[in-house]
């Protein structure tokens, strides 16, 4: 029997064939959603062509930096799913089974966590403070482990312009440019900073390995259950159509978590809700990083609000979650080894904040060097770190003098690190090693370091 194909379907098929982007799959059978591939190839997504992105090797498969990033991230996500689930091939064909595995893990997690709610909420704060080296007096925390469907949707990152037509958005953008000459460049800067924030927060999905002993005391099944749930959740962003992902992210399928910062309290309060322990950690990291990242907004409150309204949207956040982890890895890999471990970890926060504060032209110039793996980028970050350390040594300016503007932000109090790092251990590298080769691949020193970070 002949299969009838409508003219519209034929047009769509031809479009996918002719516009299929050069994603580097190697010899692997897994494929991301075709529409997602097409958007990557056409550059039709928030952040495409950002000024921070370098050119790629013309002899490689990928034509753009974004395609290169997407190729690596998709491979990493698939490998993590295989590791935690034992599934040999990850594809749309067996996604229904993976979805059932994820929901089964989630339901079991809810049963266990419901009996240990307060302990897990406190543990999430502890992990993030240790991981990001956040002083005890920097923030207050309002952390709530919720059941599925209970997340409060009010205050979500759905800016007013998301309900506007394309014409209305265009008119609003034109008005903003007339009022604010640097509007476009500041939007691009905010977009890149948001990618870094989401990339850093995404790492929080797997930080539960830092407190393996505490979680095993609660229930020895939790570690694997978290791995199954979070790895398949990451996969959803790559093999489901954008519309379905957006529906899920906006609450159509039940929100997983939310975060907001209340700058009116003293110190400011990071408020998070999440349906599972790893989600709480993710949202807490995002809250801390957003506070640091707001240093990159224009000093004028009106202009800062205009930039956030334009860029802090749900659609953009979905793409930040896709591409941000690899971009954050590349950015953090350029950090000087002198601040990677021990009491020097705290300097990483100041470095990110100082980077965000840079003049836009210098900001993009440095970002491009870092993402290119250029040694000049690493050297520039080292010079910034030297300046931070000198300021800390000299007791520098007070917080009020240092960042005196009307932008609704808060600075993490500056305290001089008390010693040099004892070892060149990097938590992110240790976690990547766990994902690829398991806990048994860690050296004794790495195991001790992992345990020390939760004490």
Foldseek 3Di string as FASTA:
>chain_A
DDDDDDPVRVVVVVLLVVQQFQQDQDPAPAAFASVVRSCLSVVPAPLRPQLLFAADDPPDRHGGSLSVLLNVLLVLLQLLLCVLPVDPHDYPVCLVVLVVLLVVLLVVQLVLCVVVVVVLQVLLVLLLCLQQVFDPQQAAEAEGADAFQPDDLPPALAFPCVPPDPVVVVVLVVVLCVVPVCLVLLLSLLLLLLLQLLLVLLLLLQLCLLVQVVVVVSPNCNNSSSSSNSSSVLSCLTHPDPVVVLCVCSQVPTHAKDWDWAVPDRNIYIYMYGNGSSRRNSRVSSHLSVLLLLLLADLDQVSSVSSSSVRSHSRSNSVSNSRSNVLNVLQVVLEDLFQAADLSSNLVSVLSSVLSNDDSVVSSVLSNCSNVVHNVSSVVSVVVSVVLQVCQVVVHDAQCVVRPGDHSHGDRGDHHRDDTGPDSDHPSVLSSCCSNPNPVVDDPVSVVRSNVSSD
